[in-house]
Amino acid sequence: MKKTLTLISLFLTTLLVATAIAAYWIYSNTVTVNVQQYTLTLTASPTTVQLYQNVTLTATLTLNGNPVPGATINFYQLNGTTRIPLGSNTTNNNGIAVYTWNATTPGNITFQAGYYTP
């Protein structure tokens, strides 16, 4: 009986080892995906004004470094983390949208531009 169990044990071990050696991974071909990158920058000019003077906000939108024409850019004034909508404009052929803001409140005012990607 002991000899039979040893033979069965040896057979099972050999079977497991042979199965482990025979099994291997195969892989498919590779696929490359191009994830496009939008970039939106905002500048203000001038950055110091008197009360009731205008500030020109200029937003530039690019996709992989190329201008994005015809895109709607939203302009906001920030109050803490709250965005207060000011208005919007469409980018030109150079990916630029402009908004003119009038300084009706004294102090340091923070602005942000936004674009909703398709």
N, C-alpha and C. Protein backbone atom coordinates (compact mmCIF):
# COMPACT_ATOMS: atom_id res chain seq x y z
N MET A 1 0.82 -1.18 0.00
CA MET A 1 0.00 0.00 0.00
C MET A 1 0.87 1.25 0.00
N LYS A 2 1.93 1.23 0.84
CA LYS A 2 2.81 2.36 0.94
C LYS A 2 3.52 2.60 -0.40
N LYS A 3 3.88 1.50 -1.06
CA LYS A 3 4.56 1.60 -2.35
C LYS A 3 3.60 2.17 -3.40
N THR A 4 2.34 1.81 -3.35
CA THR A 4 1.34 2.31 -4.29
C THR A 4 1.13 3.81 -4.08
N LEU A 5 1.04 4.23 -2.83
CA LEU A 5 0.87 5.66 -2.53
C LEU A 5 2.07 6.46 -2.98
N THR A 6 3.24 5.91 -2.82
CA THR A 6 4.46 6.59 -3.25
C THR A 6 4.46 6.73 -4.77
N LEU A 7 4.05 5.66 -5.48
CA LEU A 7 3.99 5.72 -6.94
C LEU A 7 2.95 6.73 -7.42
N ILE A 8 1.81 6.74 -6.75
CA ILE A 8 0.76 7.71 -7.12
C ILE A 8 1.26 9.13 -6.86
N SER A 9 1.89 9.33 -5.72
CA SER A 9 2.43 10.64 -5.37
C SER A 9 3.48 11.08 -6.38
N LEU A 10 4.36 10.15 -6.77
CA LEU A 10 5.38 10.45 -7.76
C LEU A 10 4.75 10.78 -9.11
N PHE A 11 3.72 10.04 -9.49
CA PHE A 11 3.03 10.29 -10.74
C PHE A 11 2.37 11.67 -10.75
N LEU A 12 1.70 12.01 -9.66
CA LEU A 12 1.04 13.32 -9.57
C LEU A 12 2.05 14.46 -9.59
N THR A 13 3.17 14.30 -8.90
CA THR A 13 4.22 15.32 -8.91
C THR A 13 4.77 15.50 -10.31
N THR A 14 5.02 14.40 -11.01
CA THR A 14 5.53 14.46 -12.38
C THR A 14 4.51 15.13 -13.29
N LEU A 15 3.24 14.81 -13.10
CA LEU A 15 2.18 15.40 -13.90
C LEU A 15 2.09 16.91 -13.67
N LEU A 16 2.17 17.35 -12.42
CA LEU A 16 2.13 18.78 -12.09
C LEU A 16 3.33 19.52 -12.68
N VAL A 17 4.51 18.95 -12.55
CA VAL A 17 5.71 19.58 -13.08
C VAL A 17 5.62 19.66 -14.59
N ALA A 18 5.18 18.60 -15.23
CA ALA A 18 5.07 18.59 -16.69
C ALA A 18 4.03 19.62 -17.15
N THR A 19 2.94 19.75 -16.41
CA THR A 19 1.92 20.73 -16.75
C THR A 19 2.47 22.14 -16.58
N ALA A 20 3.21 22.38 -15.52
CA ALA A 20 3.79 23.70 -15.27
C ALA A 20 4.79 24.06 -16.35
N ILE A 21 5.53 23.10 -16.82
CA ILE A 21 6.51 23.36 -17.87
C ILE A 21 5.79 23.59 -19.20
N ALA A 22 4.70 22.92 -19.44
CA ALA A 22 3.99 23.03 -20.71
C ALA A 22 3.16 24.31 -20.80
N ALA A 23 2.73 24.86 -19.67
CA ALA A 23 1.91 26.07 -19.69
C ALA A 23 2.80 27.29 -19.83
N TYR A 24 2.37 28.25 -20.65
CA TYR A 24 3.12 29.48 -20.83
C TYR A 24 2.17 30.58 -21.29
N TRP A 25 2.59 31.82 -21.13
CA TRP A 25 1.80 32.97 -21.55
C TRP A 25 2.02 33.24 -23.03
N ILE A 26 0.95 33.64 -23.70
CA ILE A 26 1.08 34.17 -25.05
C ILE A 26 0.49 35.59 -25.02
N TYR A 27 1.00 36.47 -25.86
CA TYR A 27 0.56 37.86 -25.85
C TYR A 27 0.10 38.28 -27.24
N SER A 28 -0.82 39.22 -27.28
CA SER A 28 -1.30 39.77 -28.54
C SER A 28 -0.30 40.78 -29.09
N ASN A 29 -0.62 41.29 -30.26
CA ASN A 29 0.16 42.40 -30.80
C ASN A 29 -0.03 43.63 -29.91
N THR A 30 0.79 44.65 -30.08
CA THR A 30 0.64 45.88 -29.29
C THR A 30 -0.15 46.90 -30.09
N VAL A 31 -0.83 47.80 -29.37
CA VAL A 31 -1.61 48.87 -29.98
C VAL A 31 -1.21 50.17 -29.30
N THR A 32 -0.95 51.20 -30.10
CA THR A 32 -0.60 52.50 -29.55
C THR A 32 -1.81 53.43 -29.67
N VAL A 33 -2.13 54.12 -28.58
CA VAL A 33 -3.23 55.06 -28.55
C VAL A 33 -2.67 56.45 -28.31
N ASN A 34 -3.04 57.41 -29.14
CA ASN A 34 -2.58 58.79 -29.00
C ASN A 34 -3.61 59.55 -28.17
N VAL A 35 -3.25 59.92 -26.95
CA VAL A 35 -4.12 60.69 -26.08
C VAL A 35 -3.78 62.16 -26.29
N GLN A 36 -4.73 62.88 -26.85
CA GLN A 36 -4.47 64.27 -27.20
C GLN A 36 -4.54 65.15 -25.96
N GLN A 37 -3.74 66.21 -25.98
CA GLN A 37 -3.62 67.09 -24.82
C GLN A 37 -4.08 68.50 -25.16
N TYR A 38 -5.15 68.94 -24.50
CA TYR A 38 -5.58 70.33 -24.61
C TYR A 38 -4.80 71.16 -23.60
N THR A 39 -4.47 72.39 -23.99
CA THR A 39 -3.84 73.33 -23.07
C THR A 39 -4.57 74.66 -23.19
N LEU A 40 -4.94 75.21 -22.04
CA LEU A 40 -5.62 76.50 -22.01
C LEU A 40 -4.84 77.43 -21.10
N THR A 41 -4.38 78.55 -21.66
CA THR A 41 -3.64 79.52 -20.87
C THR A 41 -4.42 80.84 -20.86
N LEU A 42 -4.22 81.60 -19.79
CA LEU A 42 -4.92 82.87 -19.62
C LEU A 42 -3.93 83.95 -19.21
N THR A 43 -4.03 85.10 -19.87
CA THR A 43 -3.22 86.26 -19.49
C THR A 43 -4.15 87.45 -19.29
N ALA A 44 -3.68 88.44 -18.53
CA ALA A 44 -4.43 89.67 -18.31
C ALA A 44 -3.53 90.86 -18.63
N SER A 45 -4.15 91.90 -19.26
CA SER A 45 -3.37 93.09 -19.58
C SER A 45 -4.29 94.31 -19.52
N PRO A 46 -3.91 95.30 -18.77
CA PRO A 46 -2.79 95.33 -17.83
C PRO A 46 -3.15 94.58 -16.55
N THR A 47 -2.17 94.37 -15.70
CA THR A 47 -2.42 93.64 -14.46
C THR A 47 -2.62 94.58 -13.26
N THR A 48 -2.44 95.87 -13.48
CA THR A 48 -2.74 96.87 -12.46
C THR A 48 -3.56 97.97 -13.12
N VAL A 49 -4.75 98.23 -12.58
CA VAL A 49 -5.63 99.25 -13.16
C VAL A 49 -6.26 100.09 -12.05
N GLN A 50 -6.82 101.21 -12.44
CA GLN A 50 -7.62 102.04 -11.55
C GLN A 50 -9.06 101.55 -11.62
N LEU A 51 -9.85 101.92 -10.64
CA LEU A 51 -11.26 101.57 -10.62
C LEU A 51 -11.93 102.02 -11.91
N TYR A 52 -12.76 101.18 -12.49
CA TYR A 52 -13.53 101.39 -13.72
C TYR A 52 -12.70 101.37 -15.00
N GLN A 53 -11.46 100.94 -14.92
CA GLN A 53 -10.69 100.74 -16.14
C GLN A 53 -10.89 99.31 -16.64
N ASN A 54 -10.61 99.09 -17.90
CA ASN A 54 -10.78 97.77 -18.50
C ASN A 54 -9.51 96.94 -18.38
N VAL A 55 -9.73 95.63 -18.26
CA VAL A 55 -8.67 94.63 -18.29
C VAL A 55 -9.02 93.66 -19.41
N THR A 56 -8.06 93.39 -20.28
CA THR A 56 -8.27 92.43 -21.36
C THR A 56 -7.77 91.07 -20.91
N LEU A 57 -8.68 90.10 -20.89
CA LEU A 57 -8.33 88.72 -20.58
C LEU A 57 -8.19 87.98 -21.90
N THR A 58 -7.05 87.34 -22.10
CA THR A 58 -6.77 86.63 -23.35
C THR A 58 -6.52 85.15 -23.03
N ALA A 59 -7.38 84.30 -23.59
CA ALA A 59 -7.24 82.85 -23.41
C ALA A 59 -6.75 82.24 -24.72
N THR A 60 -5.80 81.32 -24.60
CA THR A 60 -5.28 80.63 -25.79
C THR A 60 -5.48 79.13 -25.59
N LEU A 61 -6.17 78.52 -26.55
CA LEU A 61 -6.46 77.08 -26.49
C LEU A 61 -5.70 76.36 -27.60
N THR A 62 -4.94 75.32 -27.20
CA THR A 62 -4.23 74.50 -28.18
C THR A 62 -4.54 73.03 -27.92
N LEU A 63 -4.37 72.25 -28.98
CA LEU A 63 -4.51 70.80 -28.91
C LEU A 63 -3.24 70.22 -29.50
N ASN A 64 -2.45 69.57 -28.66
CA ASN A 64 -1.14 69.05 -29.06
C ASN A 64 -0.27 70.16 -29.65
N GLY A 65 -0.38 71.37 -29.09
CA GLY A 65 0.44 72.49 -29.52
C GLY A 65 -0.11 73.27 -30.71
N ASN A 66 -1.23 72.82 -31.28
CA ASN A 66 -1.83 73.49 -32.43
C ASN A 66 -3.06 74.28 -31.98
N PRO A 67 -3.27 75.50 -32.53
CA PRO A 67 -4.42 76.32 -32.15
C PRO A 67 -5.74 75.60 -32.43
N VAL A 68 -6.72 75.84 -31.56
CA VAL A 68 -8.05 75.26 -31.74
C VAL A 68 -9.02 76.40 -32.09
N PRO A 69 -9.39 76.56 -33.36
CA PRO A 69 -10.34 77.61 -33.73
C PRO A 69 -11.78 77.17 -33.47
N GLY A 70 -12.66 78.17 -33.24
CA GLY A 70 -14.10 77.89 -33.12
C GLY A 70 -14.53 77.30 -31.79
N ALA A 71 -13.68 77.32 -30.78
CA ALA A 71 -14.03 76.75 -29.48
C ALA A 71 -14.60 77.84 -28.57
N THR A 72 -15.57 77.48 -27.76
CA THR A 72 -16.16 78.43 -26.81
C THR A 72 -15.36 78.41 -25.51
N ILE A 73 -14.83 79.58 -25.15
CA ILE A 73 -14.07 79.73 -23.91
C ILE A 73 -14.93 80.53 -22.94
N ASN A 74 -15.07 80.03 -21.73
CA ASN A 74 -15.81 80.72 -20.68
C ASN A 74 -14.83 81.42 -19.76
N PHE A 75 -15.15 82.64 -19.37
CA PHE A 75 -14.31 83.44 -18.49
C PHE A 75 -15.00 83.57 -17.14
N TYR A 76 -14.21 83.44 -16.07
CA TYR A 76 -14.75 83.46 -14.72
C TYR A 76 -13.94 84.38 -13.82
N GLN A 77 -14.63 84.95 -12.84
CA GLN A 77 -13.96 85.62 -11.73
C GLN A 77 -14.06 84.66 -10.56
N LEU A 78 -12.95 84.46 -9.85
CA LEU A 78 -12.96 83.53 -8.73
C LEU A 78 -13.21 84.27 -7.43
N ASN A 79 -14.08 83.67 -6.61
CA ASN A 79 -14.31 84.16 -5.26
C ASN A 79 -14.07 82.96 -4.35
N GLY A 80 -12.82 82.82 -3.88
CA GLY A 80 -12.43 81.60 -3.18
C GLY A 80 -12.37 80.48 -4.19
N THR A 81 -13.18 79.44 -3.97
CA THR A 81 -13.23 78.33 -4.93
C THR A 81 -14.46 78.42 -5.83
N THR A 82 -15.24 79.47 -5.66
CA THR A 82 -16.45 79.66 -6.47
C THR A 82 -16.13 80.41 -7.74
N ARG A 83 -16.57 79.89 -8.87
CA ARG A 83 -16.39 80.54 -10.17
C ARG A 83 -17.63 81.37 -10.48
N ILE A 84 -17.44 82.65 -10.70
CA ILE A 84 -18.53 83.54 -11.07
C ILE A 84 -18.42 83.77 -12.58
N PRO A 85 -19.41 83.32 -13.36
CA PRO A 85 -19.33 83.48 -14.82
C PRO A 85 -19.33 84.96 -15.22
N LEU A 86 -18.42 85.32 -16.09
CA LEU A 86 -18.35 86.68 -16.60
C LEU A 86 -18.89 86.77 -18.01
N GLY A 87 -18.58 85.78 -18.82
CA GLY A 87 -19.00 85.76 -20.22
C GLY A 87 -18.20 84.73 -20.98
N SER A 88 -18.40 84.70 -22.28
CA SER A 88 -17.67 83.74 -23.11
C SER A 88 -17.36 84.37 -24.45
N ASN A 89 -16.46 83.74 -25.15
CA ASN A 89 -16.10 84.17 -26.50
C ASN A 89 -15.57 82.94 -27.25
N THR A 90 -15.55 83.05 -28.57
CA THR A 90 -15.11 81.96 -29.43
C THR A 90 -13.68 82.20 -29.88
N THR A 91 -12.89 81.14 -29.90
CA THR A 91 -11.49 81.27 -30.34
C THR A 91 -11.42 81.57 -31.83
N ASN A 92 -10.43 82.37 -32.19
CA ASN A 92 -10.18 82.69 -33.60
C ASN A 92 -9.29 81.61 -34.22
N ASN A 93 -8.80 81.85 -35.42
CA ASN A 93 -7.95 80.86 -36.11
C ASN A 93 -6.64 80.59 -35.37
N ASN A 94 -6.24 81.50 -34.49
CA ASN A 94 -5.01 81.30 -33.70
C ASN A 94 -5.30 80.67 -32.34
N GLY A 95 -6.56 80.25 -32.12
CA GLY A 95 -6.93 79.62 -30.85
C GLY A 95 -7.09 80.61 -29.71
N ILE A 96 -7.29 81.90 -30.05
CA ILE A 96 -7.35 82.96 -29.03
C ILE A 96 -8.78 83.49 -28.88
N ALA A 97 -9.21 83.61 -27.63
CA ALA A 97 -10.48 84.24 -27.29
C ALA A 97 -10.20 85.36 -26.31
N VAL A 98 -10.89 86.49 -26.48
CA VAL A 98 -10.64 87.67 -25.66
C VAL A 98 -11.92 88.08 -24.94
N TYR A 99 -11.76 88.50 -23.70
CA TYR A 99 -12.89 89.04 -22.92
C TYR A 99 -12.39 90.30 -22.23
N THR A 100 -13.21 91.36 -22.28
CA THR A 100 -12.84 92.61 -21.62
C THR A 100 -13.66 92.75 -20.34
N TRP A 101 -12.95 92.92 -19.22
CA TRP A 101 -13.57 93.05 -17.90
C TRP A 101 -13.34 94.45 -17.39
N ASN A 102 -14.37 95.02 -16.78
CA ASN A 102 -14.27 96.36 -16.22
C ASN A 102 -14.11 96.26 -14.71
N ALA A 103 -13.08 96.93 -14.18
CA ALA A 103 -12.75 96.86 -12.75
C ALA A 103 -13.72 97.71 -11.94
N THR A 104 -14.77 97.06 -11.45
CA THR A 104 -15.78 97.78 -10.65
C THR A 104 -15.61 97.55 -9.16
N THR A 105 -14.68 96.69 -8.79
CA THR A 105 -14.44 96.36 -7.38
C THR A 105 -12.96 96.51 -7.09
N PRO A 106 -12.59 97.26 -6.04
CA PRO A 106 -11.17 97.37 -5.71
C PRO A 106 -10.65 96.08 -5.08
N GLY A 107 -9.35 95.88 -5.16
CA GLY A 107 -8.71 94.70 -4.54
C GLY A 107 -8.07 93.82 -5.59
N ASN A 108 -7.54 92.70 -5.13
CA ASN A 108 -6.93 91.71 -6.03
C ASN A 108 -8.02 90.78 -6.53
N ILE A 109 -8.21 90.77 -7.82
CA ILE A 109 -9.26 89.96 -8.45
C ILE A 109 -8.58 88.84 -9.22
N THR A 110 -9.10 87.63 -9.06
CA THR A 110 -8.53 86.46 -9.72
C THR A 110 -9.49 85.98 -10.80
N PHE A 111 -8.92 85.63 -11.95
CA PHE A 111 -9.72 85.18 -13.09
C PHE A 111 -9.28 83.78 -13.51
N GLN A 112 -10.20 83.13 -14.23
CA GLN A 112 -9.89 81.81 -14.78
C GLN A 112 -10.69 81.64 -16.07
N ALA A 113 -10.14 80.89 -16.99
CA ALA A 113 -10.85 80.57 -18.24
C ALA A 113 -11.13 79.07 -18.24
N GLY A 114 -12.21 78.68 -18.90
CA GLY A 114 -12.56 77.27 -18.96
C GLY A 114 -13.01 76.86 -20.34
N TYR A 115 -12.72 75.61 -20.67
CA TYR A 115 -13.14 75.02 -21.94
C TYR A 115 -13.62 73.62 -21.66
N TYR A 116 -14.81 73.29 -22.17
CA TYR A 116 -15.35 71.95 -22.02
C TYR A 116 -14.96 71.13 -23.25
N THR A 117 -14.11 70.14 -23.03
CA THR A 117 -13.58 69.34 -24.16
C THR A 117 -14.68 68.45 -24.72
N PRO A 118 -14.66 68.25 -26.03
CA PRO A 118 -15.69 67.38 -26.66
C PRO A 118 -15.46 65.93 -26.32
